[in-house]
Protein backbone atom coordinates (compact mmCIF):
# COMPACT_ATOMS: atom_id res chain seq x y z
CA MET A 1 100.46 77.13 126.92
CA SER A 2 100.36 79.57 129.86
CA SER A 3 98.25 82.69 129.44
CA THR A 4 99.48 86.27 129.79
CA GLY A 5 95.93 87.33 130.59
CA PHE A 6 95.93 89.79 127.71
CA PHE A 7 93.56 87.69 125.61
CA GLY A 8 91.39 86.74 128.57
CA ASN A 9 89.60 83.42 128.22
CA LEU A 10 89.58 83.28 124.42
CA ALA A 11 89.88 79.71 123.13
CA PRO A 12 92.17 78.63 120.29
CA VAL A 13 90.66 79.22 116.85
CA ARG A 14 89.51 75.98 115.21
CA PHE A 15 88.28 75.00 111.75
CA GLU A 16 84.48 74.63 111.83
CA GLY A 17 83.64 74.70 108.13
CA PRO A 18 81.72 77.04 105.78
CA ASP A 19 78.45 76.78 107.73
CA SER A 20 79.88 78.00 111.03
CA ASP A 21 78.54 81.22 112.54
CA ASN A 22 81.33 81.43 115.09
CA PRO A 23 83.25 84.67 114.33
CA LEU A 24 86.40 83.19 115.87
CA ALA A 25 86.42 79.97 113.87
CA TYR A 26 87.98 79.19 110.50
CA ARG A 27 85.47 78.52 107.76
CA HIS A 28 87.98 77.76 104.98
CA TYR A 29 91.39 77.41 106.64
CA ASP A 30 91.77 73.75 107.57
CA LYS A 31 95.52 73.39 108.01
CA ASP A 32 95.54 69.61 107.55
CA ALA A 33 93.25 69.52 104.50
CA LEU A 34 94.98 68.19 101.41
CA ILE A 35 95.01 70.55 98.44
CA LEU A 36 96.56 69.02 95.32
CA GLY A 37 98.20 66.45 97.57
CA LYS A 38 99.74 68.94 100.01
CA ARG A 39 98.56 70.21 103.42
CA MET A 40 96.92 73.62 103.32
CA GLU A 41 99.28 74.92 106.01
CA ASP A 42 102.26 73.84 103.91
CA HIS A 43 100.84 75.61 100.86
CA LEU A 44 100.16 78.91 102.65
CA ARG A 45 102.94 78.92 105.29
CA PRO A 46 101.12 81.73 107.18
CA ALA A 47 103.00 84.11 109.46
CA VAL A 48 101.99 86.86 111.90
CA CYS A 49 104.12 90.00 111.79
CA TYR A 50 105.42 91.47 115.02
CA TRP A 51 105.28 95.18 114.12
CA HIS A 52 101.68 95.78 113.01
CA SER A 53 100.21 93.23 115.41
CA PHE A 54 102.07 94.29 118.54
CA GLY A 55 103.66 97.66 117.75
CA PHE A 56 100.80 99.59 116.13
CA SER A 57 99.49 102.29 118.46
CA GLY A 58 96.66 103.49 116.24
CA ALA A 59 98.57 106.59 115.15
CA ASP A 60 98.23 107.82 111.58
CA PRO A 61 99.45 110.96 109.72
CA PHE A 62 96.55 112.93 111.20
CA GLY A 63 96.18 111.62 114.72
CA GLY A 64 98.04 110.13 117.64
CA GLN A 65 97.78 106.96 119.68
CA THR A 66 94.37 105.35 120.13
CA ILE A 67 95.42 101.82 121.17
CA GLU A 68 96.87 100.91 124.57
CA ARG A 69 98.96 97.83 125.21
CA PRO A 70 100.73 96.67 128.40
CA TRP A 71 103.99 96.18 126.49
CA PHE A 72 104.24 99.72 125.14
CA GLY A 73 107.56 100.88 126.56
CA ASP A 74 111.22 101.06 125.66
CA ASP A 75 112.99 98.56 127.89
CA LEU A 76 113.64 94.83 127.97
CA ALA A 77 110.89 94.18 130.52
CA HIS A 78 108.29 95.54 128.10
CA ALA A 79 109.90 93.59 125.24
CA ARG A 80 109.46 90.34 127.17
CA VAL A 81 105.77 91.11 127.86
CA LYS A 82 105.31 91.78 124.14
CA ALA A 83 106.94 88.45 123.26
CA ASP A 84 104.69 86.63 125.74
CA ALA A 85 101.58 88.16 124.18
CA ALA A 86 102.84 87.51 120.65
CA PHE A 87 103.37 83.82 121.24
CA GLU A 88 100.03 83.53 123.02
CA MET A 89 98.32 84.96 119.95
CA LEU A 90 100.31 82.70 117.61
CA HIS A 91 99.11 79.76 119.70
CA LEU A 92 95.48 80.94 119.65
CA LEU A 93 95.57 81.34 115.86
CA GLY A 94 97.40 78.06 115.29
CA VAL A 95 99.80 79.55 112.74
CA PRO A 96 103.30 78.11 112.23
CA PHE A 97 105.40 81.26 111.64
CA PHE A 98 106.12 84.83 112.74
CA THR A 99 108.21 87.68 111.31
CA PHE A 100 109.97 90.69 112.86
CA HIS A 101 112.08 93.81 112.46
CA ASP A 102 114.96 94.04 114.91
CA ARG A 103 113.41 97.08 116.56
CA ASP A 104 110.15 95.17 117.08
CA ILE A 105 111.64 92.60 119.41
CA ALA A 106 114.03 94.79 121.43
CA PRO A 107 114.55 98.43 122.41
CA GLU A 108 117.18 100.28 120.39
CA GLY A 109 118.98 101.68 123.42
CA THR A 110 121.34 104.64 123.31
CA SER A 111 124.06 103.18 121.09
CA LEU A 112 124.69 100.57 118.42
CA ARG A 113 126.42 98.42 121.03
CA GLU A 114 123.42 98.59 123.38
CA TYR A 115 121.08 97.83 120.46
CA GLY A 116 123.08 94.70 119.64
CA LYS A 117 123.06 93.56 123.26
CA ASN A 118 119.29 94.05 123.55
CA VAL A 119 118.51 92.24 120.29
CA ARG A 120 120.71 89.28 121.18
CA GLU A 121 119.19 89.01 124.65
CA MET A 122 115.66 89.01 123.23
CA ALA A 123 116.69 86.51 120.57
CA GLY A 124 117.52 84.08 123.36
CA TYR A 125 114.11 84.74 124.94
CA LEU A 126 112.35 84.10 121.61
CA GLN A 127 114.44 81.01 120.96
CA LYS A 128 113.13 79.39 124.14
CA LYS A 129 109.54 80.23 123.22
CA MET A 130 110.05 78.79 119.75
CA ALA A 131 111.45 75.59 121.23
CA ASP A 132 108.50 75.31 123.63
CA THR A 133 105.82 75.88 120.97
CA GLY A 134 107.30 74.64 117.68
CA ILE A 135 106.55 78.04 116.10
CA ARG A 136 109.17 79.06 113.52
CA LEU A 137 110.59 82.26 112.06
CA LEU A 138 109.60 82.93 108.44
CA TRP A 139 111.95 85.89 108.19
CA GLY A 140 113.72 88.67 110.02
CA THR A 141 114.66 92.14 108.85
CA SER A 142 116.19 95.36 110.13
CA ASN A 143 114.49 98.70 110.69
CA LEU A 144 116.62 101.16 108.69
CA PHE A 145 114.00 103.88 108.32
CA HIS A 146 112.59 104.98 111.70
CA ASP A 147 115.47 106.92 113.27
CA ARG A 148 116.37 110.39 111.99
CA ARG A 149 119.82 109.11 110.99
CA PHE A 150 118.07 107.38 108.08
CA MET A 151 116.18 110.45 106.85
CA ALA A 152 118.27 110.43 103.63
CA GLY A 153 118.32 106.66 103.36
CA ALA A 154 120.49 103.93 104.84
CA ALA A 155 122.55 102.27 102.11
CA THR A 156 121.90 105.21 99.76
CA ASN A 157 122.78 107.91 102.30
CA PRO A 158 125.27 110.59 101.19
CA ASP A 159 127.15 109.99 104.48
CA PRO A 160 129.30 106.80 104.44
CA ASP A 161 129.06 106.65 108.24
CA VAL A 162 125.31 106.05 107.94
CA PHE A 163 126.04 103.31 105.39
CA ALA A 164 128.46 101.73 107.88
CA TYR A 165 126.00 102.04 110.79
CA SER A 166 123.31 100.40 108.64
CA ALA A 167 125.65 97.57 107.65
CA ALA A 168 126.50 96.88 111.29
CA GLN A 169 122.82 96.87 112.26
CA VAL A 170 121.98 94.47 109.42
CA LYS A 171 124.81 92.15 110.45
CA THR A 172 123.26 91.80 113.91
CA ALA A 173 119.79 91.24 112.45
CA ILE A 174 121.09 88.53 110.10
CA ASP A 175 122.97 86.88 112.95
CA VAL A 176 119.79 86.74 115.02
CA THR A 177 117.70 85.53 112.08
CA HIS A 178 120.27 82.77 111.52
CA GLN A 179 120.31 81.89 115.24
CA LEU A 180 116.52 81.54 115.24
CA GLY A 181 116.47 79.35 112.14
CA GLY A 182 114.80 81.95 109.94
CA ALA A 183 113.85 80.74 106.48
CA ASN A 184 114.59 84.13 104.88
CA TYR A 185 116.11 87.55 105.53
CA VAL A 186 114.32 90.57 104.02
CA VAL A 187 116.03 93.77 102.88
CA TRP A 188 113.33 96.39 103.34
CA GLY A 189 114.47 99.71 101.83
CA GLY A 190 112.13 101.99 103.71
CA ARG A 191 113.91 105.18 102.68
CA GLU A 192 116.11 104.00 99.81
CA GLY A 193 114.87 106.55 97.29
CA TYR A 194 114.78 110.28 96.73
CA GLU A 195 112.56 113.28 97.43
CA THR A 196 114.03 115.49 94.66
CA LEU A 197 116.61 115.00 91.92
CA LEU A 198 117.94 118.48 92.68
CA ASN A 199 120.07 117.01 95.52
CA THR A 200 120.43 113.41 94.34
CA ASP A 201 123.15 111.55 92.43
CA LEU A 202 121.15 108.59 91.11
CA LYS A 203 124.07 106.52 89.82
CA ARG A 204 126.04 106.91 93.03
CA GLU A 205 123.08 105.94 95.22
CA LEU A 206 122.27 102.90 93.09
CA ASP A 207 125.92 101.81 93.22
CA GLN A 208 125.86 102.16 97.01
CA LEU A 209 122.69 100.09 97.25
CA GLY A 210 124.14 97.46 94.93
CA ARG A 211 127.24 97.17 97.11
CA PHE A 212 125.11 97.01 100.26
CA ILE A 213 123.07 94.07 98.95
CA ALA A 214 126.26 92.36 97.77
CA LEU A 215 127.72 92.69 101.28
CA ILE A 216 124.63 90.96 102.69
CA VAL A 217 124.88 88.12 100.16
CA GLU A 218 128.60 87.68 100.83
CA TYR A 219 127.99 87.57 104.58
CA LYS A 220 125.15 85.08 104.18
CA HIS A 221 127.51 82.64 102.47
CA ARG A 222 130.34 83.31 104.89
CA ILE A 223 128.27 82.35 107.95
CA GLY A 224 126.40 79.53 106.21
CA PHE A 225 122.93 81.08 106.48
CA PRO A 226 120.77 78.71 104.39
CA GLY A 227 117.81 81.07 103.99
CA THR A 228 116.86 83.25 101.05
CA ILE A 229 117.72 86.96 100.83
CA LEU A 230 114.59 88.90 99.80
CA ILE A 231 113.96 92.47 98.64
CA GLU A 232 110.50 93.94 99.16
CA PRO A 233 109.42 96.18 96.25
CA LYS A 234 107.70 99.43 97.15
CA PRO A 235 107.08 102.34 94.76
CA GLN A 236 106.76 105.34 97.06
CA GLU A 237 105.86 106.43 100.59
CA PRO A 238 107.66 107.81 102.37
CA THR A 239 109.96 108.94 99.52
CA LYS A 240 108.78 110.35 96.22
CA HIS A 241 110.45 107.48 94.38
CA GLN A 242 111.84 104.23 95.80
CA TYR A 243 114.63 102.43 93.94
CA ASP A 244 112.83 99.12 94.55
CA PHE A 245 109.70 100.44 92.79
CA ASP A 246 108.24 97.10 91.63
CA VAL A 247 109.28 93.58 90.63
CA ALA A 248 110.56 94.68 87.23
CA SER A 249 112.65 97.48 88.78
CA VAL A 250 114.11 95.12 91.38
CA PHE A 251 114.99 92.53 88.75
CA GLY A 252 116.70 95.16 86.60
CA PHE A 253 118.64 96.35 89.65
CA LEU A 254 119.68 92.80 90.60
CA ALA A 255 120.77 92.03 87.03
CA ARG A 256 122.76 95.29 86.86
CA TYR A 257 124.78 94.28 89.93
CA GLY A 258 125.01 90.54 89.21
CA LEU A 259 122.69 89.52 92.06
CA GLU A 260 119.74 88.04 90.15
CA ARG A 261 120.70 84.49 91.13
CA GLU A 262 121.22 85.39 94.78
CA VAL A 263 118.21 87.51 95.74
CA LYS A 264 114.45 87.09 95.31
CA VAL A 265 111.46 89.34 96.02
CA ASN A 266 108.98 89.57 98.86
CA ILE A 267 105.84 90.94 97.15
CA GLU A 268 103.35 93.00 99.12
CA VAL A 269 99.80 93.28 97.78
CA ALA A 270 99.44 96.91 98.89
CA HIS A 271 102.74 97.90 97.28
CA ALA A 272 101.73 96.27 94.00
CA VAL A 273 98.63 98.47 93.94
CA LEU A 274 100.63 101.61 94.78
CA ALA A 275 102.90 100.81 91.83
CA GLY A 276 99.90 100.74 89.50
CA HIS A 277 99.89 96.95 89.15
CA SER A 278 97.74 94.10 90.35
CA PHE A 279 98.94 91.58 92.90
CA GLU A 280 98.68 88.75 90.37
CA HIS A 281 100.81 90.71 87.88
CA GLU A 282 103.65 91.08 90.35
CA VAL A 283 103.46 87.41 91.36
CA ALA A 284 103.31 86.16 87.76
CA LEU A 285 106.16 88.44 86.67
CA ALA A 286 108.39 87.42 89.57
CA ILE A 287 107.76 83.76 88.71
CA ALA A 288 108.50 84.41 85.02
CA LEU A 289 111.79 86.15 85.92
CA GLY A 290 112.78 83.46 88.41
CA VAL A 291 112.87 85.76 91.44
CA PHE A 292 109.65 84.91 93.30
CA GLY A 293 110.26 84.38 97.00
CA SER A 294 107.55 85.37 99.48
CA VAL A 295 104.42 87.50 100.01
CA ASP A 296 103.16 90.16 102.41
CA ILE A 297 99.44 89.50 102.13
CA ASN A 298 97.83 92.83 102.96
CA ARG A 299 95.73 95.23 100.91
CA ASN A 300 94.98 98.91 100.47
CA ASP A 301 91.74 100.79 100.61
CA TYR A 302 91.26 101.65 96.93
CA GLN A 303 89.95 105.10 97.84
CA SER A 304 93.18 105.94 99.66
CA GLY A 305 96.43 106.70 97.89
CA TRP A 306 98.69 105.35 100.59
CA ASP A 307 99.64 102.07 102.22
CA THR A 308 96.76 101.32 104.60
CA ASP A 309 97.94 97.76 105.44
CA GLN A 310 94.53 96.11 105.78
CA PHE A 311 93.80 92.43 106.16
CA PRO A 312 92.92 90.60 102.92
CA THR A 313 89.20 89.96 102.47
CA ASN A 314 88.65 89.40 98.73
CA ALA A 315 89.27 85.79 97.72
CA ALA A 316 88.40 86.48 94.07
CA GLU A 317 91.14 89.10 93.77
CA MET A 318 93.76 86.75 95.22
CA ALA A 319 92.73 83.56 93.41
CA VAL A 320 94.51 84.40 90.13
CA ALA A 321 97.77 85.11 91.97
CA PHE A 322 97.42 81.84 93.87
CA TYR A 323 96.72 80.05 90.57
CA HIS A 324 100.09 81.21 89.18
CA LEU A 325 101.77 80.39 92.48
CA LEU A 326 100.41 76.82 92.50
CA LYS A 327 101.29 76.26 88.84
CA SER A 328 104.89 77.28 89.57
CA GLY A 329 105.22 74.78 92.42
CA GLY A 330 104.30 77.05 95.33
CA PHE A 331 106.41 78.51 98.09
CA THR A 332 109.84 77.13 98.95
CA THR A 333 111.35 79.20 101.78
CA GLY A 334 108.67 81.92 101.55
CA GLY A 335 105.12 82.14 102.83
CA LEU A 336 102.18 84.46 103.51
CA ASN A 337 103.13 87.14 106.01
CA PHE A 338 100.12 88.99 107.41
CA ASP A 339 101.74 92.42 107.24
CA ALA A 340 98.41 93.97 108.23
CA ARG A 341 97.12 96.00 111.13
CA ILE A 342 93.77 96.46 112.77
CA ARG A 343 92.09 99.84 112.32
CA ARG A 344 92.79 102.65 114.78
CA GLN A 345 89.25 102.33 116.15
CA SER A 346 89.66 98.58 116.81
CA LEU A 347 90.85 98.66 120.41
CA GLU A 348 90.20 95.21 121.87
CA PRO A 349 92.57 92.22 121.95
CA GLU A 350 89.88 90.18 120.22
CA ASP A 351 90.09 92.50 117.20
CA LEU A 352 93.61 91.20 116.52
CA LEU A 353 92.23 87.69 116.23
CA HIS A 354 89.29 88.72 114.04
CA GLY A 355 91.64 90.38 111.54
CA HIS A 356 93.88 87.34 111.21
CA VAL A 357 91.02 84.81 111.15
CA GLY A 358 89.26 86.65 108.33
CA GLY A 359 92.47 87.20 106.41
CA LEU A 360 93.61 83.59 106.69
CA ASP A 361 90.15 82.36 105.67
CA ALA A 362 90.19 84.61 102.58
CA CYS A 363 93.60 83.22 101.60
CA ALA A 364 92.43 79.64 102.14
CA HIS A 365 89.35 80.32 100.01
CA ALA A 366 91.57 81.75 97.25
CA LEU A 367 93.88 78.74 97.48
CA LYS A 368 90.99 76.30 97.13
CA THR A 369 89.65 78.26 94.15
CA ALA A 370 93.07 78.24 92.47
CA ALA A 371 93.35 74.50 93.02
CA LYS A 372 89.91 73.97 91.44
CA LEU A 373 91.02 75.98 88.39
CA ILE A 374 94.08 73.76 88.02
CA GLU A 375 92.07 70.57 88.46
CA ASP A 376 89.44 71.83 85.99
CA GLY A 377 92.24 72.41 83.49
CA ARG A 378 90.35 74.54 80.99
CA ILE A 379 92.32 77.73 81.62
CA GLY A 380 95.62 75.88 81.36
CA ARG A 381 94.57 74.13 78.15
CA PHE A 382 93.33 77.40 76.64
CA VAL A 383 96.64 79.16 77.32
CA GLU A 384 98.62 76.21 75.98
CA ASP A 385 96.52 76.14 72.82
CA ARG A 386 96.80 79.90 72.38
CA TYR A 387 100.59 79.64 72.04
CA ALA A 388 100.65 76.20 70.35
CA ALA A 389 101.88 77.58 67.00
CA TRP A 390 105.19 78.48 68.65
CA ASN A 391 105.80 74.73 68.96
CA SER A 392 105.83 74.40 65.17
CA PRO A 393 109.24 73.95 63.46
CA GLU A 394 109.18 77.56 62.27
CA GLY A 395 108.20 78.94 65.68
CA LYS A 396 110.95 76.97 67.40
CA ALA A 397 113.50 78.07 64.80
CA ILE A 398 112.68 81.76 65.37
CA LEU A 399 113.04 81.49 69.16
CA ALA A 400 116.23 79.43 68.86
CA GLY A 401 117.90 82.22 66.87
CA LYS A 402 117.99 80.18 63.65
CA ARG A 403 116.18 82.81 61.58
CA THR A 404 117.44 86.28 60.68
CA LEU A 405 115.14 89.26 60.25
CA GLU A 406 115.67 89.00 56.48
CA GLU A 407 114.75 85.30 56.45
CA ILE A 408 111.56 85.92 58.40
CA ALA A 409 110.58 88.73 56.02
CA ALA A 410 111.41 86.59 52.97
CA ARG A 411 109.12 83.81 54.20
CA LEU A 412 106.23 86.26 54.51
CA ASP A 413 106.94 87.50 50.98
CA ARG A 414 107.26 83.97 49.62
CA GLU A 415 104.15 82.46 51.24
CA ALA A 416 102.05 85.65 51.07
CA PHE A 417 99.78 84.75 54.00
CA GLU A 418 97.76 86.99 56.27
CA PRO A 419 97.67 86.18 60.03
CA LYS A 420 94.19 85.26 61.28
CA PRO A 421 93.42 86.77 64.72
CA LYS A 422 91.86 84.48 67.33
CA SER A 423 89.70 85.48 70.27
CA GLY A 424 91.38 85.80 73.65
CA ARG A 425 88.04 84.78 75.26
CA GLN A 426 88.63 86.88 78.37
CA GLU A 427 84.98 86.89 79.43
CA TYR A 428 84.76 83.09 79.22
CA LEU A 429 87.92 82.70 81.33
CA GLU A 430 86.74 85.22 83.93
CA ASN A 431 83.47 83.31 84.22
CA LEU A 432 85.42 80.11 84.89
CA LEU A 433 87.14 81.84 87.79
CA ILE A 434 83.89 83.10 89.30
CA ARG A 435 82.18 79.72 88.96
CA HIS A 436 84.89 78.06 91.03
CA LEU A 437 84.70 80.54 93.95
């Protein structure tokens, strides 16, 4: 693959094993290694995101740009340079997927028509690069939060013209995602929430959002897009309260509007923490509710109360989530999107590689640990045994609706037994996890 020169003479990152001291080598991520009979790359389906990797300038709420890039600009020439660098980095990392917002790949222009023209032109440019490299699109999405027109939301805006503008922008983004063979399309409600209830009609805004998602689903079927529609839960930031607060909130919303069989969730680790949950809770709940789709695998700094979008580094924290993921059969159309950015003091091109190498290694380590837990079998057998009494005739009858409340109470009165508590053995199970790291 031809070099843009941005990454200098850096060589492609290779797997060198746990004993390697090479900072730009994989110690755990061996894409062809078989884990439970499946290639590691096919388990993880890793993707690099366009926005944080190639759009982040180092700015934060308290300071401006610290990072300089040759593609920073607002025209198609800069967009092509960005695409060249993006695919060079994808090649160096050896990952199979990328992800993007529409505004990441092309300048917005001065009108919706110019936006559409720019996005479609860049889609053709990306399509050629994808054909040349074999790199695929995990998912596309639309930026409905950056421009001031979205300050009161996109689908939930009190102005129907903003709703219409948003719908037209999403149509273009879905068309491009479909053209590029994307495996999913993500609905990211960056400002679908409220700042104060003093100026908000909650029912109206939820109805608007429900109709907006339904329009997307209807259009997906009309054009024959085979991918999955995903919603990414996020509790807050920038709004006081987001309508897609967490997995449970999203599922309730989908069920309310009859969309629970059409839409799944893209879970972000950092958002799970902001919602007061753990990553493994959100994954396990989404699996239990039948709406698990994909993952943004970034983390927060636990001393900061906002979304710091850091690369994952703690395999132990991720292993339980991966355990539930593997037990459920793993990803289908989804994957691990590295929705993470380097720190504002990390200025060099090489820093982009270090972040992804470390993050992908941590995920591979967590995957291997989860696989060992499954092969060991003790956790699975313990959980099965803990609920075994529900497989008794009486337990099955209760769950099947064959016992009334009166009949259950009468049995207790008739047999006069006292339930005998059993240990949950949490410490023993946690030790099993640590021993397999």
